[in-house]
Protein backbone atom coordinates (compact mmCIF):
# COMPACT_ATOMS: atom_id res chain seq x y z
CA UNK A 1 -0.01 -0.02 -0.01
CA UNK A 2 2.79 2.32 0.92
CA UNK A 3 4.59 1.54 -2.40
CA UNK A 4 1.35 2.37 -4.33
CA UNK A 5 1.09 5.74 -2.58
CA UNK A 6 4.73 6.60 -3.40
CA UNK A 7 4.20 5.71 -7.05
CA UNK A 8 1.02 7.87 -7.25
CA UNK A 9 2.80 10.77 -5.63
CA UNK A 10 5.73 10.50 -8.03
CA UNK A 11 3.41 10.31 -10.98
CA UNK A 12 1.65 13.46 -9.88
CA UNK A 13 4.87 15.42 -9.28
CA UNK A 14 6.38 14.35 -12.64
CA UNK A 15 3.24 14.99 -14.70
CA UNK A 16 3.66 17.94 -17.07
CA UNK A 17 1.75 21.02 -15.99
CA UNK A 18 -0.31 22.97 -18.49
CA UNK A 19 0.87 26.46 -19.41
CA UNK A 20 -0.97 29.42 -17.97
CA UNK A 21 -3.63 30.69 -20.35
CA UNK A 22 -6.04 33.59 -20.43
CA UNK A 23 -9.26 33.51 -22.37
CA UNK A 24 -9.25 35.79 -25.40
CA UNK A 25 -11.51 38.82 -25.27
CA UNK A 26 -14.91 38.25 -26.82
CA UNK A 27 -15.07 39.56 -30.37
CA UNK A 28 -17.90 41.84 -31.29
CA UNK A 29 -19.29 40.75 -34.60
CA UNK A 30 -19.89 43.31 -37.26
CA UNK A 31 -23.25 43.37 -39.08
CA UNK A 32 -22.29 41.26 -42.19
CA UNK A 33 -20.30 38.69 -40.19
CA UNK A 34 -23.08 38.43 -37.56
CA UNK A 35 -25.67 37.72 -40.31
CA UNK A 36 -23.51 35.00 -41.82
CA UNK A 37 -23.06 33.33 -38.45
CA UNK A 38 -26.80 33.59 -37.77
CA UNK A 39 -27.58 32.03 -41.16
CA UNK A 40 -25.10 29.12 -40.69
CA UNK A 41 -26.30 28.50 -37.12
CA UNK A 42 -29.91 28.43 -38.20
CA UNK A 43 -29.18 25.95 -40.97
CA UNK A 44 -27.54 23.71 -38.41
CA UNK A 45 -30.58 24.23 -36.11
CA UNK A 46 -28.33 25.87 -33.53
CA UNK A 47 -31.07 28.33 -32.72
CA UNK A 48 -29.52 29.83 -29.62
CA UNK A 49 -26.37 30.71 -31.49
CA UNK A 50 -28.44 32.10 -34.37
CA UNK A 51 -30.44 34.34 -32.06
CA UNK A 52 -27.22 35.58 -30.30
CA UNK A 53 -25.70 36.37 -33.66
CA UNK A 54 -28.78 38.38 -34.76
CA UNK A 55 -28.67 40.31 -31.47
CA UNK A 56 -25.01 41.10 -32.26
CA UNK A 57 -26.04 42.40 -35.69
CA UNK A 58 -28.73 44.65 -34.15
CA UNK A 59 -26.24 45.98 -31.61
CA UNK A 60 -23.73 46.80 -34.38
CA UNK A 61 -26.45 48.68 -36.34
CA UNK A 62 -27.49 50.56 -33.15
CA UNK A 63 -23.89 51.76 -32.66
CA UNK A 64 -23.86 53.07 -36.21
CA UNK A 65 -27.30 54.62 -35.76
CA UNK A 66 -26.28 56.35 -32.56
CA UNK A 67 -23.14 57.73 -34.21
CA UNK A 68 -25.35 59.09 -37.04
CA UNK A 69 -27.83 60.58 -34.58
CA UNK A 70 -25.07 62.37 -32.69
CA UNK A 71 -23.61 63.63 -35.99
CA UNK A 72 -27.02 65.07 -36.88
CA UNK A 73 -27.29 67.00 -33.60
CA UNK A 74 -27.03 70.79 -33.73
CA UNK A 75 -23.62 72.43 -33.17
CA UNK A 76 -24.71 75.96 -32.19
CA UNK A 77 -21.98 78.62 -32.02
CA UNK A 78 -20.83 79.51 -28.56
CA UNK A 79 -22.14 76.30 -26.93
CA UNK A 80 -19.87 73.60 -25.51
CA UNK A 81 -20.91 70.00 -26.21
CA UNK A 82 -20.50 67.02 -23.92
CA UNK A 83 -21.35 63.41 -24.79
CA UNK A 84 -21.22 60.59 -22.27
CA UNK A 85 -18.88 57.71 -23.11
CA UNK A 86 -20.43 54.78 -24.87
CA UNK A 87 -21.34 51.83 -22.59
CA UNK A 88 -22.16 48.61 -24.46
CA UNK A 89 -23.34 46.84 -21.32
CA UNK A 90 -25.70 49.68 -20.41
CA UNK A 91 -26.98 49.68 -24.00
CA UNK A 92 -27.84 46.08 -23.74
CA UNK A 93 -29.81 46.65 -20.47
CA UNK A 94 -31.58 49.68 -22.06
CA UNK A 95 -32.43 47.63 -25.14
CA UNK A 96 -34.33 45.23 -22.89
CA UNK A 97 -36.07 48.09 -21.08
CA UNK A 98 -37.08 49.98 -24.16
CA UNK A 99 -38.16 46.94 -26.24
CA UNK A 100 -35.03 46.51 -28.39
CA UNK A 101 -34.41 50.25 -28.40
CA UNK A 102 -31.70 52.40 -26.82
CA UNK A 103 -31.18 55.81 -25.36
CA UNK A 104 -28.41 58.30 -25.91
CA UNK A 105 -27.80 61.79 -24.50
CA UNK A 106 -25.96 65.04 -25.17
CA UNK A 107 -25.44 68.12 -23.04
CA UNK A 108 -24.99 71.77 -24.23
CA UNK A 109 -23.60 74.52 -22.06
CA UNK A 110 -23.23 78.27 -22.58
CA UNK A 111 -22.56 80.24 -19.40
CA UNK A 112 -25.60 79.63 -17.19
CA UNK A 113 -27.67 78.25 -20.03
CA UNK A 114 -28.08 74.50 -20.41
CA UNK A 115 -29.68 72.17 -22.96
CA UNK A 116 -29.98 68.49 -22.28
CA UNK A 117 -31.03 66.14 -25.11
CA UNK A 118 -32.12 62.53 -24.77
CA UNK A 119 -32.89 60.47 -27.80
CA UNK A 120 -34.82 57.18 -27.28
CA UNK A 121 -34.78 55.26 -30.54
CA UNK A 122 -36.40 52.12 -31.92
CA UNK A 123 -38.81 51.67 -29.00
CA UNK A 124 -42.28 50.27 -29.90
CA UNK A 125 -43.43 51.35 -26.43
CA UNK A 126 -43.46 54.96 -27.72
CA UNK A 127 -46.48 54.21 -29.91
CA UNK A 128 -48.60 54.90 -26.88
CA UNK A 129 -47.43 58.51 -26.93
CA UNK A 130 -48.94 58.99 -30.37
CA UNK A 131 -52.42 59.33 -28.85
CA UNK A 132 -51.27 62.19 -26.64
CA UNK A 133 -49.57 64.01 -29.52
CA UNK A 134 -52.88 63.83 -31.42
CA UNK A 135 -54.93 65.35 -28.64
CA UNK A 136 -54.37 69.19 -28.69
CA UNK A 137 -56.96 69.78 -25.94
CA UNK A 138 -55.01 67.50 -23.61
CA UNK A 139 -51.72 69.22 -24.43
CA UNK A 140 -53.12 72.71 -23.92
CA UNK A 141 -54.67 71.67 -20.62
CA UNK A 142 -51.16 70.62 -19.49
CA UNK A 143 -49.77 74.01 -20.46
CA UNK A 144 -48.12 72.88 -23.69
CA UNK A 145 -48.39 73.80 -27.33
CA UNK A 146 -47.89 71.85 -30.55
CA UNK A 147 -44.85 72.59 -32.77
CA UNK A 148 -44.99 71.09 -36.23
CA UNK A 149 -41.79 69.82 -37.94
CA UNK A 150 -43.11 68.75 -41.33
CA UNK A 151 -44.76 65.37 -40.85
CA UNK A 152 -43.75 65.21 -37.18
CA UNK A 153 -45.13 66.92 -34.10
CA UNK A 154 -43.51 68.14 -30.90
CA UNK A 155 -44.89 69.37 -27.60
CA UNK A 156 -43.32 72.53 -26.15
CA UNK A 157 -44.05 73.66 -22.64
CA UNK A 158 -42.49 75.78 -19.92
CA UNK A 159 -40.66 74.17 -17.04
CA UNK A 160 -40.20 76.14 -13.80
CA UNK A 161 -39.28 79.87 -13.91
CA UNK A 162 -36.76 79.81 -16.79
CA UNK A 163 -36.90 76.33 -18.27
CA UNK A 164 -38.38 74.81 -21.44
CA UNK A 165 -39.09 71.29 -22.49
CA UNK A 166 -39.49 69.99 -26.01
CA UNK A 167 -40.63 66.47 -26.86
CA UNK A 168 -40.51 65.44 -30.49
CA UNK A 169 -41.98 62.15 -31.63
CA UNK A 170 -40.76 60.66 -34.93
CA UNK A 171 -42.50 57.73 -36.63
CA UNK A 172 -44.04 56.63 -33.35
CA UNK A 173 -40.84 54.86 -32.42
CA UNK A 174 -38.28 57.59 -31.72
CA UNK A 175 -38.53 60.34 -29.03
CA UNK A 176 -36.21 63.37 -28.86
CA UNK A 177 -36.55 65.16 -25.51
CA UNK A 178 -34.86 68.49 -24.96
CA UNK A 179 -34.77 70.09 -21.48
CA UNK A 180 -33.51 73.70 -21.34
CA UNK A 181 -32.55 75.82 -18.34
CA UNK A 182 -32.07 79.60 -18.65
CA UNK A 183 -33.40 79.63 -22.24
CA UNK A 184 -36.51 80.98 -23.81
CA UNK A 185 -38.80 78.95 -26.11
CA UNK A 186 -37.47 80.91 -29.11
CA UNK A 187 -33.88 80.22 -28.20
CA UNK A 188 -34.58 76.52 -27.83
CA UNK A 189 -36.41 76.33 -31.16
CA UNK A 190 -33.66 78.15 -32.99
CA UNK A 191 -31.18 75.41 -32.00
CA UNK A 192 -33.50 72.48 -32.52
CA UNK A 193 -35.02 73.62 -35.81
CA UNK A 194 -36.46 72.02 -38.89
CA UNK A 195 -32.99 71.41 -40.39
CA UNK A 196 -32.11 69.33 -37.34
CA UNK A 197 -35.21 67.14 -37.72
CA UNK A 198 -34.50 66.75 -41.49
CA UNK A 199 -30.99 65.48 -40.68
CA UNK A 200 -32.47 62.88 -38.30
CA UNK A 201 -34.59 61.38 -41.12
CA UNK A 202 -31.63 59.38 -42.46
CA UNK A 203 -30.72 57.55 -39.25
CA UNK A 204 -34.25 57.45 -37.75
CA UNK A 205 -36.53 57.50 -40.82
CA UNK A 206 -38.47 54.57 -42.18
């Protein structure tokens, strides 16, 4: 018995040890590659892998869409612009909350004046807002007014003593909300004008 234990110990000590390894970082699939992976996985009936690849394809498109939305934002003279860093994990959580959509923000500053913009895109939950935008009596009763941007409508109303809020609904699935402090309604509308909405048609249009 003692001899057997000695032999086992010697075998363990002399056995080659594996080299230290670190797992490679997960590769984010680009849209064309993700579609190819999804197609091949579906053909092999690996449905979980196919769904994961399609989700990766959507996330890649959303990154491109967000970049295009930010590029379409106004760049008014005299205002400083601040964008939060991109957070892929937070985007994935937001996508679940907004029904496959996402949210992105931008902040403008000029002295004591501030403009904060939040864009919620690709959310079917926003369809419920369409009823409110089509009810002028309800909007006026809440102290707001309708602002038309071509085929789209926005609600403008005063916030506090020197604030303004603009909510623009596009195609019932995208909401652009602008909150301003220390600005008048005319100042806000000069920055977020028809040209701004027209630029958004490419990344947010149907």
